[in-house]
Amino acid sequence: MKKIKTLILLGMFPIFSLAKAFDCHSWPMNMAEVWMKNAGIVNIQSLDESKTKITLLASEKKKNGLYTQIFHFIFYDKKGRSYEVITKNEASDDECSMSSVNSYLVSKSDINY
């Protein structure tokens, strides 16, 4: 009986270990757009933000309530081009912009139909 209880608790362990991720994508997303504009990659006005895909790849809790967050963004412009960007920044439970944002262009592609 004790083994069954232990197995049930171990099976539930991943549920207990899941921390609720807070929504802090706007700061790195906006900074990635500005970075692409300043680098001459895209004109911000040509982006279709309604099509932007956002994925939180990692959120690691650090000291003093800070988190290192890694996001993957796929931006689309009105001409069918896509821009994949990975960002890294520090955030807290209270503030998304605890650090600058490092942006990395992964790919730029045209969609040809």
C-alpha atoms as a PDB file:
ATOM      1  CA  MET A   1       0.000   0.000   0.000  1.00  0.00           C
ATOM      2  CA  LYS A   2       2.854   2.353   0.826  1.00  0.00           C
ATOM      3  CA  LYS A   3       4.406   1.736  -2.611  1.00  0.00           C
ATOM      4  CA  ILE A   4       1.137   2.650  -4.336  1.00  0.00           C
ATOM      5  CA  LYS A   5       0.916   5.941  -2.405  1.00  0.00           C
ATOM      6  CA  THR A   6       4.526   6.712  -3.295  1.00  0.00           C
ATOM      7  CA  LEU A   7       3.904   6.000  -6.986  1.00  0.00           C
ATOM      8  CA  ILE A   8       0.831   8.223  -6.978  1.00  0.00           C
ATOM      9  CA  LEU A   9       2.766  11.066  -5.351  1.00  0.00           C
ATOM     10  CA  LEU A  10       5.664  10.661  -7.783  1.00  0.00           C
ATOM     11  CA  GLY A  11       3.221  10.676 -10.675  1.00  0.00           C
ATOM     12  CA  MET A  12       1.775  13.961  -9.406  1.00  0.00           C
ATOM     13  CA  PHE A  13       5.183  15.568  -8.791  1.00  0.00           C
ATOM     14  CA  PRO A  14       5.410  17.259 -12.208  1.00  0.00           C
ATOM     15  CA  ILE A  15       2.082  18.981 -11.505  1.00  0.00           C
ATOM     16  CA  PHE A  16       3.417  20.396  -8.244  1.00  0.00           C
ATOM     17  CA  SER A  17       6.645  21.574  -9.837  1.00  0.00           C
ATOM     18  CA  LEU A  18       4.976  23.619 -12.586  1.00  0.00           C
ATOM     19  CA  ALA A  19       5.242  27.313 -11.827  1.00  0.00           C
ATOM     20  CA  LYS A  20       2.776  29.669 -13.410  1.00  0.00           C
ATOM     21  CA  ALA A  21       4.673  31.650 -16.020  1.00  0.00           C
ATOM     22  CA  PHE A  22       3.840  35.329 -16.013  1.00  0.00           C
ATOM     23  CA  ASP A  23       3.114  37.085 -19.288  1.00  0.00           C
ATOM     24  CA  CYS A  24       6.097  39.299 -19.988  1.00  0.00           C
ATOM     25  CA  HIS A  25       6.490  39.055 -23.759  1.00  0.00           C
ATOM     26  CA  SER A  26       5.682  42.685 -24.658  1.00  0.00           C
ATOM     27  CA  TRP A  27       9.030  44.182 -23.564  1.00  0.00           C
ATOM     28  CA  PRO A  28      11.281  41.770 -25.504  1.00  0.00           C
ATOM     29  CA  MET A  29       8.876  41.798 -28.482  1.00  0.00           C
ATOM     30  CA  ASN A  30       8.923  45.593 -28.740  1.00  0.00           C
ATOM     31  CA  MET A  31      12.692  45.722 -28.303  1.00  0.00           C
ATOM     32  CA  ALA A  32      13.172  43.030 -30.989  1.00  0.00           C
ATOM     33  CA  GLU A  33      11.070  45.110 -33.407  1.00  0.00           C
ATOM     34  CA  VAL A  34      13.134  48.228 -32.666  1.00  0.00           C
ATOM     35  CA  TRP A  35      16.361  46.239 -33.030  1.00  0.00           C
ATOM     36  CA  MET A  36      15.269  44.913 -36.461  1.00  0.00           C
ATOM     37  CA  LYS A  37      14.323  48.455 -37.540  1.00  0.00           C
ATOM     38  CA  ASN A  38      17.647  49.930 -36.371  1.00  0.00           C
ATOM     39  CA  ALA A  39      19.567  47.096 -38.073  1.00  0.00           C
ATOM     40  CA  GLY A  40      17.763  47.820 -41.352  1.00  0.00           C
ATOM     41  CA  ILE A  41      16.092  44.406 -41.398  1.00  0.00           C
ATOM     42  CA  VAL A  42      12.466  45.564 -41.471  1.00  0.00           C
ATOM     43  CA  ASN A  43      10.309  48.675 -41.232  1.00  0.00           C
ATOM     44  CA  ILE A  44       8.144  48.331 -38.102  1.00  0.00           C
ATOM     45  CA  GLN A  45       5.115  49.808 -39.897  1.00  0.00           C
ATOM     46  CA  SER A  46       5.235  46.956 -42.419  1.00  0.00           C
ATOM     47  CA  LEU A  47       4.828  44.288 -39.710  1.00  0.00           C
ATOM     48  CA  ASP A  48       1.444  42.647 -39.159  1.00  0.00           C
ATOM     49  CA  GLU A  49       1.441  42.259 -35.361  1.00  0.00           C
ATOM     50  CA  SER A  50      -1.788  40.244 -35.405  1.00  0.00           C
ATOM     51  CA  LYS A  51       0.135  37.370 -37.042  1.00  0.00           C
ATOM     52  CA  THR A  52       3.096  37.441 -34.630  1.00  0.00           C
ATOM     53  CA  LYS A  53       3.777  34.072 -32.995  1.00  0.00           C
ATOM     54  CA  ILE A  54       5.201  34.139 -29.479  1.00  0.00           C
ATOM     55  CA  THR A  55       6.763  31.210 -27.639  1.00  0.00           C
ATOM     56  CA  LEU A  56       8.382  31.342 -24.213  1.00  0.00           C
ATOM     57  CA  LEU A  57      11.278  28.893 -24.593  1.00  0.00           C
ATOM     58  CA  ALA A  58      12.701  29.205 -21.074  1.00  0.00           C
ATOM     59  CA  SER A  59      12.199  31.074 -17.837  1.00  0.00           C
ATOM     60  CA  GLU A  60      14.823  30.472 -15.168  1.00  0.00           C
ATOM     61  CA  LYS A  61      14.399  31.907 -11.694  1.00  0.00           C
ATOM     62  CA  LYS A  62      17.544  33.638 -10.456  1.00  0.00           C
ATOM     63  CA  LYS A  63      18.481  35.468  -7.241  1.00  0.00           C
ATOM     64  CA  ASN A  64      16.458  38.390  -5.898  1.00  0.00           C
ATOM     65  CA  GLY A  65      13.254  37.392  -7.700  1.00  0.00           C
ATOM     66  CA  LEU A  66      14.712  37.853 -11.168  1.00  0.00           C
ATOM     67  CA  TYR A  67      14.048  35.543 -14.097  1.00  0.00           C
ATOM     68  CA  THR A  68      16.073  35.038 -17.248  1.00  0.00           C
ATOM     69  CA  GLN A  69      13.581  34.666 -20.070  1.00  0.00           C
ATOM     70  CA  ILE A  70      14.162  33.359 -23.584  1.00  0.00           C
ATOM     71  CA  PHE A  71      11.461  34.053 -26.193  1.00  0.00           C
ATOM     72  CA  HIS A  72      11.066  32.925 -29.794  1.00  0.00           C
ATOM     73  CA  PHE A  73       9.141  35.377 -31.979  1.00  0.00           C
ATOM     74  CA  ILE A  74       8.045  34.945 -35.569  1.00  0.00           C
ATOM     75  CA  PHE A  75       7.124  38.306 -37.068  1.00  0.00           C
ATOM     76  CA  TYR A  76       5.286  38.577 -40.390  1.00  0.00           C
ATOM     77  CA  ASP A  77       5.145  41.600 -42.648  1.00  0.00           C
ATOM     78  CA  LYS A  78       2.346  42.581 -45.003  1.00  0.00           C
ATOM     79  CA  LYS A  79       4.251  41.237 -48.027  1.00  0.00           C
ATOM     80  CA  GLY A  80       4.453  37.671 -46.696  1.00  0.00           C
ATOM     81  CA  ARG A  81       8.007  37.720 -45.334  1.00  0.00           C
ATOM     82  CA  SER A  82       8.745  36.231 -41.923  1.00  0.00           C
ATOM     83  CA  TYR A  83      11.439  37.090 -39.399  1.00  0.00           C
ATOM     84  CA  GLU A  84      12.375  34.676 -36.622  1.00  0.00           C
ATOM     85  CA  VAL A  85      14.004  36.273 -33.603  1.00  0.00           C
ATOM     86  CA  ILE A  86      15.219  34.833 -30.292  1.00  0.00           C
ATOM     87  CA  THR A  87      15.412  37.231 -27.349  1.00  0.00           C
ATOM     88  CA  LYS A  88      16.989  37.024 -23.901  1.00  0.00           C
ATOM     89  CA  ASN A  89      16.260  39.397 -21.032  1.00  0.00           C
ATOM     90  CA  GLU A  90      15.786  39.651 -17.283  1.00  0.00           C
ATOM     91  CA  ALA A  91      12.328  40.147 -15.766  1.00  0.00           C
ATOM     92  CA  SER A  92      10.721  40.040 -12.330  1.00  0.00           C
ATOM     93  CA  ASP A  93       7.231  39.376 -11.063  1.00  0.00           C
ATOM     94  CA  ASP A  94       6.647  43.137 -10.991  1.00  0.00           C
ATOM     95  CA  GLU A  95       8.614  44.442 -13.970  1.00  0.00           C
ATOM     96  CA  CYS A  96       9.289  43.000 -17.420  1.00  0.00           C
ATOM     97  CA  SER A  97      12.119  45.394 -18.280  1.00  0.00           C
ATOM     98  CA  MET A  98      14.704  44.572 -15.628  1.00  0.00           C
ATOM     99  CA  SER A  99      17.452  44.476 -18.261  1.00  0.00           C
ATOM    100  CA  SER A 100      18.131  45.284 -21.860  1.00  0.00           C
ATOM    101  CA  VAL A 101      17.046  42.741 -24.455  1.00  0.00           C
ATOM    102  CA  ASN A 102      19.522  40.723 -26.505  1.00  0.00           C
ATOM    103  CA  SER A 103      17.989  39.918 -29.906  1.00  0.00           C
ATOM    104  CA  TYR A 104      19.221  37.331 -32.396  1.00  0.00           C
ATOM    105  CA  LEU A 105      17.877  37.000 -35.934  1.00  0.00           C
ATOM    106  CA  VAL A 106      17.441  33.280 -36.609  1.00  0.00           C
ATOM    107  CA  SER A 107      15.979  33.509 -40.109  1.00  0.00           C
ATOM    108  CA  LYS A 108      14.400  35.824 -42.636  1.00  0.00           C
ATOM    109  CA  SER A 109      12.317  34.281 -45.369  1.00  0.00           C
ATOM    110  CA  ASP A 110       9.861  35.047 -48.156  1.00  0.00           C
ATOM    111  CA  ILE A 111       6.651  33.125 -48.569  1.00  0.00           C
ATOM    112  CA  ASN A 112       6.097  32.498 -52.253  1.00  0.00           C
ATOM    113  CA  TYR A 113       2.724  31.173 -53.327  1.00  0.00           C
END
